[in-house]
Amino acid sequence: VHSDASVIDGEDRLLAPSFFALQGWDPRAVQLNRLLVQNNVTGC
């Protein structure tokens, strides 16, 4: 199970409300063939 995130800088200022949107990732890409060529799961 993983989630989206907001993105902040070193001073806690908001850089982007959605990490997925910023990266251009597709949350529907959960199949092996899609993830082989581009990961969208972030460890944290």
PDB file of all heavy atoms in Angstrom:
ATOM      1  N   VAL A   1       0.871  -1.180   0.000  1.00  0.00           N
ATOM      2  CA  VAL A   1       0.000   0.000   0.000  1.00  0.00           C
ATOM      3  C   VAL A   1       0.903   1.224   0.000  1.00  0.00           C
ATOM      4  O   VAL A   1       1.849   1.306   0.796  1.00  0.00           O
ATOM      5  CB  VAL A   1      -0.913   0.034   1.246  1.00  0.00           C
ATOM      6  CG1 VAL A   1      -1.774   1.297   1.239  1.00  0.00           C
ATOM      7  CG2 VAL A   1      -1.798  -1.209   1.305  1.00  0.00           C
ATOM      8  N   HIS A   2       0.636   2.172  -0.895  1.00  0.00           N
ATOM      9  CA  HIS A   2       1.404   3.418  -0.878  1.00  0.00           C
ATOM     10  C   HIS A   2       0.481   4.586  -1.187  1.00  0.00           C
ATOM     11  O   HIS A   2      -0.676   4.401  -1.570  1.00  0.00           O
ATOM     12  CB  HIS A   2       2.587   3.359  -1.840  1.00  0.00           C
ATOM     13  CG  HIS A   2       2.231   3.308  -3.291  1.00  0.00           C
ATOM     14  ND1 HIS A   2       2.781   4.121  -4.242  1.00  0.00           N
ATOM     15  CD2 HIS A   2       1.362   2.511  -3.980  1.00  0.00           C
ATOM     16  CE1 HIS A   2       2.299   3.851  -5.433  1.00  0.00           C
ATOM     17  NE2 HIS A   2       1.448   2.877  -5.301  1.00  0.00           N
ATOM     18  N   SER A   3       1.001   5.795  -1.011  1.00  0.00           N
ATOM     19  CA  SER A   3       0.147   6.974  -1.103  1.00  0.00           C
ATOM     20  C   SER A   3       0.837   8.090  -1.864  1.00  0.00           C
ATOM     21  O   SER A   3       2.021   8.024  -2.193  1.00  0.00           O
ATOM     22  CB  SER A   3      -0.226   7.472   0.298  1.00  0.00           C
ATOM     23  OG  SER A   3       0.890   8.107   0.888  1.00  0.00           O
ATOM     24  N   ASP A   4       0.072   9.143  -2.095  1.00  0.00           N
ATOM     25  CA  ASP A   4       0.622  10.380  -2.629  1.00  0.00           C
ATOM     26  C   ASP A   4       1.268  11.153  -1.479  1.00  0.00           C
ATOM     27  O   ASP A   4       1.158  10.771  -0.307  1.00  0.00           O
ATOM     28  CB  ASP A   4      -0.494  11.196  -3.289  1.00  0.00           C
ATOM     29  CG  ASP A   4       0.033  12.225  -4.287  1.00  0.00           C
ATOM     30  OD1 ASP A   4       1.265  12.409  -4.389  1.00  0.00           O
ATOM     31  OD2 ASP A   4      -0.802  12.854  -4.968  1.00  0.00           O
ATOM     32  N   ALA A   5       1.936  12.247  -1.830  1.00  0.00           N
ATOM     33  CA  ALA A   5       2.556  13.120  -0.840  1.00  0.00           C
ATOM     34  C   ALA A   5       2.494  14.557  -1.357  1.00  0.00           C
ATOM     35  O   ALA A   5       2.411  14.783  -2.566  1.00  0.00           O
ATOM     36  CB  ALA A   5       4.007  12.724  -0.599  1.00  0.00           C
ATOM     37  N   SER A   6       2.541  15.485  -0.460  1.00  0.00           N
ATOM     38  CA  SER A   6       2.836  16.857  -0.858  1.00  0.00           C
ATOM     39  C   SER A   6       4.356  17.001  -0.835  1.00  0.00           C
ATOM     40  O   SER A   6       5.062  16.183  -0.241  1.00  0.00           O
ATOM     41  CB  SER A   6       2.169  17.863   0.079  1.00  0.00           C
ATOM     42  OG  SER A   6       2.594  17.655   1.414  1.00  0.00           O
ATOM     43  N   VAL A   7       4.865  18.056  -1.457  1.00  0.00           N
ATOM     44  CA  VAL A   7       6.311  18.258  -1.526  1.00  0.00           C
ATOM     45  C   VAL A   7       6.643  19.597  -0.867  1.00  0.00           C
ATOM     46  O   VAL A   7       6.030  20.618  -1.189  1.00  0.00           O
ATOM     47  CB  VAL A   7       6.812  18.241  -2.981  1.00  0.00           C
ATOM     48  CG1 VAL A   7       8.335  18.389  -3.027  1.00  0.00           C
ATOM     49  CG2 VAL A   7       6.395  16.945  -3.682  1.00  0.00           C
ATOM     50  N   ILE A   8       7.584  19.572   0.077  1.00  0.00           N
ATOM     51  CA  ILE A   8       7.997  20.786   0.777  1.00  0.00           C
ATOM     52  C   ILE A   8       9.507  20.986   0.622  1.00  0.00           C
ATOM     53  O   ILE A   8      10.237  20.051   0.272  1.00  0.00           O
ATOM     54  CB  ILE A   8       7.631  20.745   2.278  1.00  0.00           C
ATOM     55  CG1 ILE A   8       8.315  19.554   2.972  1.00  0.00           C
ATOM     56  CG2 ILE A   8       6.125  20.688   2.459  1.00  0.00           C
ATOM     57  CD1 ILE A   8       8.122  19.522   4.480  1.00  0.00           C
ATOM     58  N   ASP A   9       9.962  22.198   0.884  1.00  0.00           N
ATOM     59  CA  ASP A   9      11.394  22.463   0.816  1.00  0.00           C
ATOM     60  C   ASP A   9      12.003  22.412   2.214  1.00  0.00           C
ATOM     61  O   ASP A   9      11.338  22.037   3.194  1.00  0.00           O
ATOM     62  CB  ASP A   9      11.668  23.798   0.112  1.00  0.00           C
ATOM     63  CG  ASP A   9      11.207  25.018   0.916  1.00  0.00           C
ATOM     64  OD1 ASP A   9      10.792  24.860   2.090  1.00  0.00           O
ATOM     65  OD2 ASP A   9      11.258  26.130   0.365  1.00  0.00           O
ATOM     66  N   GLY A  10      13.260  22.791   2.301  1.00  0.00           N
ATOM     67  CA  GLY A  10      13.961  22.715   3.576  1.00  0.00           C
ATOM     68  C   GLY A  10      13.436  23.648   4.641  1.00  0.00           C
ATOM     69  O   GLY A  10      13.721  23.469   5.829  1.00  0.00           O
ATOM     70  N   GLU A  11      12.625  24.631   4.234  1.00  0.00           N
ATOM     71  CA  GLU A  11      12.045  25.568   5.189  1.00  0.00           C
ATOM     72  C   GLU A  11      10.557  25.320   5.401  1.00  0.00           C
ATOM     73  O   GLU A  11       9.834  26.201   5.865  1.00  0.00           O
ATOM     74  CB  GLU A  11      12.261  27.004   4.690  1.00  0.00           C
ATOM     75  CG  GLU A  11      13.720  27.343   4.394  1.00  0.00           C
ATOM     76  CD  GLU A  11      14.628  27.139   5.591  1.00  0.00           C
ATOM     77  OE1 GLU A  11      14.176  27.442   6.707  1.00  0.00           O
ATOM     78  OE2 GLU A  11      15.771  26.679   5.405  1.00  0.00           O
ATOM     79  N   ASP A  12      10.073  24.144   5.026  1.00  0.00           N
ATOM     80  CA  ASP A  12       8.672  23.735   5.187  1.00  0.00           C
ATOM     81  C   ASP A  12       7.707  24.447   4.247  1.00  0.00           C
ATOM     82  O   ASP A  12       6.495  24.390   4.440  1.00  0.00           O
ATOM     83  CB  ASP A  12       8.181  23.928   6.629  1.00  0.00           C
ATOM     84  CG  ASP A  12       8.887  23.007   7.614  1.00  0.00           C
ATOM     85  OD1 ASP A  12       9.298  21.911   7.186  1.00  0.00           O
ATOM     86  OD2 ASP A  12       9.031  23.372   8.782  1.00  0.00           O
ATOM     87  N   ARG A  13       8.218  25.114   3.226  1.00  0.00           N
ATOM     88  CA  ARG A  13       7.344  25.769   2.253  1.00  0.00           C
ATOM     89  C   ARG A  13       6.834  24.759   1.245  1.00  0.00           C
ATOM     90  O   ARG A  13       7.597  23.902   0.778  1.00  0.00           O
ATOM     91  CB  ARG A  13       8.087  26.901   1.536  1.00  0.00           C
ATOM     92  CG  ARG A  13       8.435  28.090   2.415  1.00  0.00           C
ATOM     93  CD  ARG A  13       9.142  29.170   1.620  1.00  0.00           C
ATOM     94  NE  ARG A  13      10.444  28.705   1.173  1.00  0.00           N
ATOM     95  CZ  ARG A  13      11.614  29.205   1.613  1.00  0.00           C
ATOM     96  NH1 ARG A  13      11.620  30.175   2.511  1.00  0.00           N
ATOM     97  NH2 ARG A  13      12.758  28.750   1.144  1.00  0.00           N
ATOM     98  N   LEU A  14       5.541  24.880   0.894  1.00  0.00           N
ATOM     99  CA  LEU A  14       4.939  23.947  -0.041  1.00  0.00           C
ATOM    100  C   LEU A  14       5.468  24.191  -1.452  1.00  0.00           C
ATOM    101  O   LEU A  14       5.392  25.304  -1.978  1.00  0.00           O
ATOM    102  CB  LEU A  14       3.415  24.100  -0.024  1.00  0.00           C
ATOM    103  CG  LEU A  14       2.635  23.145  -0.939  1.00  0.00           C
ATOM    104  CD1 LEU A  14       2.736  21.705  -0.424  1.00  0.00           C
ATOM    105  CD2 LEU A  14       1.162  23.574  -1.007  1.00  0.00           C
ATOM    106  N   LEU A  15       5.991  23.141  -2.075  1.00  0.00           N
ATOM    107  CA  LEU A  15       6.458  23.214  -3.461  1.00  0.00           C
ATOM    108  C   LEU A  15       5.426  22.645  -4.431  1.00  0.00           C
ATOM    109  O   LEU A  15       5.301  23.130  -5.556  1.00  0.00           O
ATOM    110  CB  LEU A  15       7.774  22.443  -3.619  1.00  0.00           C
ATOM    111  CG  LEU A  15       8.970  22.944  -2.804  1.00  0.00           C
ATOM    112  CD1 LEU A  15      10.154  22.008  -2.987  1.00  0.00           C
ATOM    113  CD2 LEU A  15       9.335  24.362  -3.212  1.00  0.00           C
ATOM    114  N   ALA A  16       4.707  21.609  -3.997  1.00  0.00           N
ATOM    115  CA  ALA A  16       3.703  20.982  -4.862  1.00  0.00           C
ATOM    116  C   ALA A  16       2.707  20.233  -3.982  1.00  0.00           C
ATOM    117  O   ALA A  16       3.107  19.552  -3.038  1.00  0.00           O
ATOM    118  CB  ALA A  16       4.351  20.017  -5.855  1.00  0.00           C
ATOM    119  N   PRO A  17       1.403  20.329  -4.283  1.00  0.00           N
ATOM    120  CA  PRO A  17       0.409  19.636  -3.466  1.00  0.00           C
ATOM    121  C   PRO A  17       0.350  18.137  -3.736  1.00  0.00           C
ATOM    122  O   PRO A  17      -0.175  17.387  -2.923  1.00  0.00           O
ATOM    123  CB  PRO A  17      -0.908  20.305  -3.868  1.00  0.00           C
ATOM    124  CG  PRO A  17      -0.663  20.797  -5.260  1.00  0.00           C
ATOM    125  CD  PRO A  17       0.776  21.191  -5.305  1.00  0.00           C
ATOM    126  N   SER A  18       0.900  17.697  -4.888  1.00  0.00           N
ATOM    127  CA  SER A  18       0.864  16.277  -5.238  1.00  0.00           C
ATOM    128  C   SER A  18       2.193  15.853  -5.840  1.00  0.00           C
ATOM    129  O   SER A  18       2.596  16.337  -6.906  1.00  0.00           O
ATOM    130  CB  SER A  18      -0.266  15.985  -6.233  1.00  0.00           C
ATOM    131  OG  SER A  18      -0.134  14.672  -6.771  1.00  0.00           O
ATOM    132  N   PHE A  19       2.874  14.953  -5.178  1.00  0.00           N
ATOM    133  CA  PHE A  19       4.123  14.387  -5.680  1.00  0.00           C
ATOM    134  C   PHE A  19       3.872  13.618  -6.976  1.00  0.00           C
ATOM    135  O   PHE A  19       4.653  13.708  -7.934  1.00  0.00           O
ATOM    136  CB  PHE A  19       4.712  13.485  -4.600  1.00  0.00           C
ATOM    137  CG  PHE A  19       6.019  12.834  -4.961  1.00  0.00           C
ATOM    138  CD1 PHE A  19       7.018  13.529  -5.607  1.00  0.00           C
ATOM    139  CD2 PHE A  19       6.251  11.508  -4.613  1.00  0.00           C
ATOM    140  CE1 PHE A  19       8.236  12.923  -5.919  1.00  0.00           C
ATOM    141  CE2 PHE A  19       7.453  10.899  -4.908  1.00  0.00           C
ATOM    142  CZ  PHE A  19       8.456  11.602  -5.567  1.00  0.00           C
ATOM    143  N   PHE A  20       2.776  12.869  -7.028  1.00  0.00           N
ATOM    144  CA  PHE A  20       2.464  12.086  -8.232  1.00  0.00           C
ATOM    145  C   PHE A  20       2.247  13.000  -9.432  1.00  0.00           C
ATOM    146  O   PHE A  20       2.747  12.741 -10.524  1.00  0.00           O
ATOM    147  CB  PHE A  20       1.242  11.200  -7.993  1.00  0.00           C
ATOM    148  CG  PHE A  20       1.596   9.778  -7.672  1.00  0.00           C
ATOM    149  CD1 PHE A  20       2.232   9.471  -6.474  1.00  0.00           C
ATOM    150  CD2 PHE A  20       1.313   8.756  -8.549  1.00  0.00           C
ATOM    151  CE1 PHE A  20       2.579   8.166  -6.169  1.00  0.00           C
ATOM    152  CE2 PHE A  20       1.652   7.438  -8.262  1.00  0.00           C
ATOM    153  CZ  PHE A  20       2.291   7.145  -7.068  1.00  0.00           C
ATOM    154  N   ALA A  21       1.491  14.077  -9.244  1.00  0.00           N
ATOM    155  CA  ALA A  21       1.261  15.011 -10.344  1.00  0.00           C
ATOM    156  C   ALA A  21       2.564  15.674 -10.771  1.00  0.00           C
ATOM    157  O   ALA A  21       2.820  15.862 -11.969  1.00  0.00           O
ATOM    158  CB  ALA A  21       0.231  16.052  -9.940  1.00  0.00           C
ATOM    159  N   LEU A  22       3.400  16.034  -9.815  1.00  0.00           N
ATOM    160  CA  LEU A  22       4.680  16.664 -10.114  1.00  0.00           C
ATOM    161  C   LEU A  22       5.564  15.748 -10.953  1.00  0.00           C
ATOM    162  O   LEU A  22       6.222  16.187 -11.894  1.00  0.00           O
ATOM    163  CB  LEU A  22       5.390  17.032  -8.808  1.00  0.00           C
ATOM    164  CG  LEU A  22       6.753  17.710  -8.935  1.00  0.00           C
ATOM    165  CD1 LEU A  22       6.607  19.090  -9.566  1.00  0.00           C
ATOM    166  CD2 LEU A  22       7.427  17.810  -7.566  1.00  0.00           C
ATOM    167  N   GLN A  23       5.566  14.457 -10.607  1.00  0.00           N
ATOM    168  CA  GLN A  23       6.397  13.500 -11.329  1.00  0.00           C
ATOM    169  C   GLN A  23       5.764  13.030 -12.637  1.00  0.00           C
ATOM    170  O   GLN A  23       6.435  12.400 -13.457  1.00  0.00           O
ATOM    171  CB  GLN A  23       6.679  12.277 -10.442  1.00  0.00           C
ATOM    172  CG  GLN A  23       7.454  12.588  -9.171  1.00  0.00           C
ATOM    173  CD  GLN A  23       8.844  13.125  -9.471  1.00  0.00           C
ATOM    174  OE1 GLN A  23       9.050  14.331  -9.522  1.00  0.00           O
ATOM    175  NE2 GLN A  23       9.790  12.243  -9.693  1.00  0.00           N
ATOM    176  N   GLY A  24       4.472  13.291 -12.814  1.00  0.00           N
ATOM    177  CA  GLY A  24       3.782  12.787 -13.992  1.00  0.00           C
ATOM    178  C   GLY A  24       3.511  11.300 -13.918  1.00  0.00           C
ATOM    179  O   GLY A  24       3.423  10.613 -14.956  1.00  0.00           O
ATOM    180  N   TRP A  25       3.351  10.774 -12.718  1.00  0.00           N
ATOM    181  CA  TRP A  25       3.115   9.350 -12.529  1.00  0.00           C
ATOM    182  C   TRP A  25       1.631   9.016 -12.627  1.00  0.00           C
ATOM    183  O   TRP A  25       0.771   9.833 -12.294  1.00  0.00           O
ATOM    184  CB  TRP A  25       3.628   8.897 -11.166  1.00  0.00           C
ATOM    185  CG  TRP A  25       5.113   8.848 -11.062  1.00  0.00           C
ATOM    186  CD1 TRP A  25       6.013   8.844 -12.091  1.00  0.00           C
ATOM    187  CD2 TRP A  25       5.879   8.802  -9.857  1.00  0.00           C
ATOM    188  NE1 TRP A  25       7.289   8.784 -11.596  1.00  0.00           N
ATOM    189  CE2 TRP A  25       7.246   8.763 -10.242  1.00  0.00           C
ATOM    190  CE3 TRP A  25       5.551   8.786  -8.511  1.00  0.00           C
ATOM    191  CZ2 TRP A  25       8.269   8.706  -9.298  1.00  0.00           C
ATOM    192  CZ3 TRP A  25       6.569   8.735  -7.581  1.00  0.00           C
ATOM    193  CH2 TRP A  25       7.907   8.680  -7.965  1.00  0.00           C
ATOM    194  N   ASP A  26       1.359   7.800 -13.043  1.00  0.00           N
ATOM    195  CA  ASP A  26      -0.004   7.302 -13.169  1.00  0.00           C
ATOM    196  C   ASP A  26      -0.271   6.338 -12.013  1.00  0.00           C
ATOM    197  O   ASP A  26       0.320   5.256 -11.968  1.00  0.00           O
ATOM    198  CB  ASP A  26      -0.170   6.580 -14.514  1.00  0.00           C
ATOM    199  CG  ASP A  26      -1.578   6.070 -14.751  1.00  0.00           C
ATOM    200  OD1 ASP A  26      -2.436   6.212 -13.845  1.00  0.00           O
ATOM    201  OD2 ASP A  26      -1.827   5.512 -15.840  1.00  0.00           O
ATOM    202  N   PRO A  27      -1.139   6.685 -11.064  1.00  0.00           N
ATOM    203  CA  PRO A  27      -1.402   5.784  -9.930  1.00  0.00           C
ATOM    204  C   PRO A  27      -2.042   4.469 -10.355  1.00  0.00           C
ATOM    205  O   PRO A  27      -2.046   3.510  -9.584  1.00  0.00           O
ATOM    206  CB  PRO A  27      -2.346   6.602  -9.044  1.00  0.00           C
ATOM    207  CG  PRO A  27      -2.961   7.614  -9.935  1.00  0.00           C
ATOM    208  CD  PRO A  27      -1.908   7.946 -10.966  1.00  0.00           C
ATOM    209  N   ARG A  28      -2.562   4.422 -11.583  1.00  0.00           N
ATOM    210  CA  ARG A  28      -3.147   3.170 -12.077  1.00  0.00           C
ATOM    211  C   ARG A  28      -2.087   2.200 -12.580  1.00  0.00           C
ATOM    212  O   ARG A  28      -2.394   1.047 -12.881  1.00  0.00           O
ATOM    213  CB  ARG A  28      -4.135   3.469 -13.202  1.00  0.00           C
ATOM    214  CG  ARG A  28      -5.323   4.342 -12.779  1.00  0.00           C
ATOM    215  CD  ARG A  28      -6.073   4.863 -13.978  1.00  0.00           C
ATOM    216  NE  ARG A  28      -5.202   5.719 -14.811  1.00  0.00           N
ATOM    217  CZ  ARG A  28      -5.566   6.296 -15.938  1.00  0.00           C
ATOM    218  NH1 ARG A  28      -6.802   6.115 -16.394  1.00  0.00           N
ATOM    219  NH2 ARG A  28      -4.731   7.056 -16.624  1.00  0.00           N
ATOM    220  N   ALA A  29      -0.853   2.650 -12.667  1.00  0.00           N
ATOM    221  CA  ALA A  29       0.242   1.792 -13.136  1.00  0.00           C
ATOM    222  C   ALA A  29       0.725   0.922 -11.985  1.00  0.00           C
ATOM    223  O   ALA A  29       1.689   1.240 -11.286  1.00  0.00           O
ATOM    224  CB  ALA A  29       1.377   2.646 -13.681  1.00  0.00           C
ATOM    225  N   VAL A  30       0.026  -0.183 -11.762  1.00  0.00           N
ATOM    226  CA  VAL A  30       0.351  -1.100 -10.680  1.00  0.00           C
ATOM    227  C   VAL A  30       0.740  -2.479 -11.206  1.00  0.00           C
ATOM    228  O   VAL A  30       1.073  -3.368 -10.429  1.00  0.00           O
ATOM    229  CB  VAL A  30      -0.843  -1.241  -9.697  1.00  0.00           C
ATOM    230  CG1 VAL A  30      -1.152   0.090  -9.029  1.00  0.00           C
ATOM    231  CG2 VAL A  30      -2.077  -1.795 -10.396  1.00  0.00           C
ATOM    232  N   GLN A  31       0.700  -2.645 -12.528  1.00  0.00           N
ATOM    233  CA  GLN A  31       1.016  -3.934 -13.117  1.00  0.00           C
ATOM    234  C   GLN A  31       2.529  -4.063 -13.340  1.00  0.00           C
ATOM    235  O   GLN A  31       3.239  -3.086 -13.517  1.00  0.00           O
ATOM    236  CB  GLN A  31       0.293  -4.106 -14.466  1.00  0.00           C
ATOM    237  CG  GLN A  31      -1.200  -3.894 -14.410  1.00  0.00           C
ATOM    238  CD  GLN A  31      -1.590  -2.439 -14.620  1.00  0.00           C
ATOM    239  OE1 GLN A  31      -0.735  -1.559 -14.717  1.00  0.00           O
ATOM    240  NE2 GLN A  31      -2.881  -2.199 -14.675  1.00  0.00           N
ATOM    241  N   LEU A  32       2.993  -5.297 -13.362  1.00  0.00           N
ATOM    242  CA  LEU A  32       4.421  -5.571 -13.493  1.00  0.00           C
ATOM    243  C   LEU A  32       4.999  -4.971 -14.770  1.00  0.00           C
ATOM    244  O   LEU A  32       6.090  -4.381 -14.742  1.00  0.00           O
ATOM    245  CB  LEU A  32       4.670  -7.082 -13.447  1.00  0.00           C
ATOM    246  CG  LEU A  32       6.124  -7.534 -13.588  1.00  0.00           C
ATOM    247  CD1 LEU A  32       6.984  -6.974 -12.462  1.00  0.00           C
ATOM    248  CD2 LEU A  32       6.204  -9.059 -13.606  1.00  0.00           C
ATOM    249  N   ASN A  33       4.315  -5.104 -15.890  1.00  0.00           N
ATOM    250  CA  ASN A  33       4.878  -4.606 -17.146  1.00  0.00           C
ATOM    251  C   ASN A  33       5.079  -3.089 -17.119  1.00  0.00           C
ATOM    252  O   ASN A  33       6.034  -2.563 -17.688  1.00  0.00           O
ATOM    253  CB  ASN A  33       4.019  -5.023 -18.342  1.00  0.00           C
ATOM    254  CG  ASN A  33       2.570  -4.571 -18.242  1.00  0.00           C
ATOM    255  OD1 ASN A  33       2.111  -4.124 -17.188  1.00  0.00           O
ATOM    256  ND2 ASN A  33       1.834  -4.702 -19.322  1.00  0.00           N
ATOM    257  N   ARG A  34       4.196  -2.365 -16.425  1.00  0.00           N
ATOM    258  CA  ARG A  34       4.353  -0.909 -16.314  1.00  0.00           C
ATOM    259  C   ARG A  34       5.495  -0.541 -15.361  1.00  0.00           C
ATOM    260  O   ARG A  34       6.250   0.403 -15.624  1.00  0.00           O
ATOM    261  CB  ARG A  34       3.053  -0.261 -15.814  1.00  0.00           C
ATOM    262  CG  ARG A  34       1.812  -0.519 -16.648  1.00  0.00           C
ATOM    263  CD  ARG A  34       1.844   0.188 -17.990  1.00  0.00           C
ATOM    264  NE  ARG A  34       2.061   1.619 -17.896  1.00  0.00           N
ATOM    265  CZ  ARG A  34       1.111   2.520 -17.610  1.00  0.00           C
ATOM    266  NH1 ARG A  34      -0.141   2.109 -17.380  1.00  0.00           N
ATOM    267  NH2 ARG A  34       1.384   3.805 -17.584  1.00  0.00           N
ATOM    268  N   LEU A  35       5.615  -1.278 -14.275  1.00  0.00           N
ATOM    269  CA  LEU A  35       6.614  -0.935 -13.259  1.00  0.00           C
ATOM    270  C   LEU A  35       8.027  -1.352 -13.655  1.00  0.00           C
ATOM    271  O   LEU A  35       8.998  -0.812 -13.129  1.00  0.00           O
ATOM    272  CB  LEU A  35       6.236  -1.570 -11.920  1.00  0.00           C
ATOM    273  CG  LEU A  35       4.943  -1.019 -11.302  1.00  0.00           C
ATOM    274  CD1 LEU A  35       4.534  -1.840 -10.090  1.00  0.00           C
ATOM    275  CD2 LEU A  35       5.087   0.449 -10.926  1.00  0.00           C
ATOM    276  N   LEU A  36       8.150  -2.292 -14.575  1.00  0.00           N
ATOM    277  CA  LEU A  36       9.481  -2.666 -15.056  1.00  0.00           C
ATOM    278  C   LEU A  36      10.198  -1.480 -15.688  1.00  0.00           C
ATOM    279  O   LEU A  36      11.418  -1.344 -15.584  1.00  0.00           O
ATOM    280  CB  LEU A  36       9.390  -3.798 -16.079  1.00  0.00           C
ATOM    281  CG  LEU A  36       9.107  -5.200 -15.558  1.00  0.00           C
ATOM    282  CD1 LEU A  36       8.852  -6.150 -16.727  1.00  0.00           C
ATOM    283  CD2 LEU A  36      10.266  -5.720 -14.702  1.00  0.00           C
ATOM    284  N   VAL A  37       9.447  -0.599 -16.341  1.00  0.00           N
ATOM    285  CA  VAL A  37      10.071   0.497 -17.083  1.00  0.00           C
ATOM    286  C   VAL A  37      10.030   1.826 -16.347  1.00  0.00           C
ATOM    287  O   VAL A  37      10.761   2.748 -16.697  1.00  0.00           O
ATOM    288  CB  VAL A  37       9.431   0.651 -18.486  1.00  0.00           C
ATOM    289  CG1 VAL A  37       9.703  -0.592 -19.324  1.00  0.00           C
ATOM    290  CG2 VAL A  37       7.928   0.906 -18.402  1.00  0.00           C
ATOM    291  N   GLN A  38       9.186   1.928 -15.331  1.00  0.00           N
ATOM    292  CA  GLN A  38       9.157   3.173 -14.540  1.00  0.00           C
ATOM    293  C   GLN A  38       8.497   2.904 -13.190  1.00  0.00           C
ATOM    294  O   GLN A  38       7.313   2.593 -13.124  1.00  0.00           O
ATOM    295  CB  GLN A  38       8.417   4.289 -15.275  1.00  0.00           C
ATOM    296  CG  GLN A  38       8.529   5.637 -14.567  1.00  0.00           C
ATOM    297  CD  GLN A  38       7.837   6.754 -15.328  1.00  0.00           C
ATOM    298  OE1 GLN A  38       7.031   6.525 -16.218  1.00  0.00           O
ATOM    299  NE2 GLN A  38       8.162   7.990 -14.979  1.00  0.00           N
ATOM    300  N   ASN A  39       9.276   3.066 -12.143  1.00  0.00           N
ATOM    301  CA  ASN A  39       8.747   2.866 -10.795  1.00  0.00           C
ATOM    302  C   ASN A  39       7.969   4.094 -10.328  1.00  0.00           C
ATOM    303  O   ASN A  39       8.356   5.226 -10.589  1.00  0.00           O
ATOM    304  CB  ASN A  39       9.901   2.605  -9.826  1.00  0.00           C
ATOM    305  CG  ASN A  39       9.422   2.340  -8.415  1.00  0.00           C
ATOM    306  OD1 ASN A  39       8.414   1.671  -8.215  1.00  0.00           O
ATOM    307  ND2 ASN A  39      10.148   2.860  -7.440  1.00  0.00           N
ATOM    308  N   ASN A  40       6.857   3.876  -9.642  1.00  0.00           N
ATOM    309  CA  ASN A  40       6.130   4.992  -9.024  1.00  0.00           C
ATOM    310  C   ASN A  40       5.888   4.758  -7.535  1.00  0.00           C
ATOM    311  O   ASN A  40       5.066   5.441  -6.923  1.00  0.00           O
ATOM    312  CB  ASN A  40       4.804   5.262  -9.748  1.00  0.00           C
ATOM    313  CG  ASN A  40       3.820   4.107  -9.651  1.00  0.00           C
ATOM    314  OD1 ASN A  40       3.987   3.191  -8.845  1.00  0.00           O
ATOM    315  ND2 ASN A  40       2.783   4.124 -10.480  1.00  0.00           N
ATOM    316  N   VAL A  41       6.600   3.807  -6.963  1.00  0.00           N
ATOM    317  CA  VAL A  41       6.495   3.511  -5.529  1.00  0.00           C
ATOM    318  C   VAL A  41       7.714   4.105  -4.829  1.00  0.00           C
ATOM    319  O   VAL A  41       8.853   3.767  -5.164  1.00  0.00           O
ATOM    320  CB  VAL A  41       6.412   1.997  -5.276  1.00  0.00           C
ATOM    321  CG1 VAL A  41       6.484   1.697  -3.783  1.00  0.00           C
ATOM    322  CG2 VAL A  41       5.130   1.416  -5.873  1.00  0.00           C
ATOM    323  N   THR A  42       7.464   4.981  -3.882  1.00  0.00           N
ATOM    324  CA  THR A  42       8.537   5.643  -3.137  1.00  0.00           C
ATOM    325  C   THR A  42       8.615   5.042  -1.742  1.00  0.00           C
ATOM    326  O   THR A  42       7.607   4.932  -1.040  1.00  0.00           O
ATOM    327  CB  THR A  42       8.260   7.153  -3.051  1.00  0.00           C
ATOM    328  OG1 THR A  42       8.129   7.669  -4.379  1.00  0.00           O
ATOM    329  CG2 THR A  42       9.389   7.877  -2.343  1.00  0.00           C
ATOM    330  N   GLY A  43       9.822   4.658  -1.334  1.00  0.00           N
ATOM    331  CA  GLY A  43       9.994   3.920  -0.091  1.00  0.00           C
ATOM    332  C   GLY A  43       9.351   4.564   1.113  1.00  0.00           C
ATOM    333  O   GLY A  43       8.701   3.884   1.922  1.00  0.00           O
ATOM    334  N   CYS A  44       9.514   5.879   1.265  1.00  0.00           N
ATOM    335  CA  CYS A  44       8.995   6.552   2.465  1.00  0.00           C
ATOM    336  C   CYS A  44       7.488   6.712   2.445  1.00  0.00           C
ATOM    337  O   CYS A  44       6.919   7.261   3.393  1.00  0.00           O
ATOM    338  CB  CYS A  44       9.649   7.912   2.623  1.00  0.00           C
ATOM    339  SG  CYS A  44       9.315   9.070   1.274  1.00  0.00           S
TER     340      CYS A  44
END
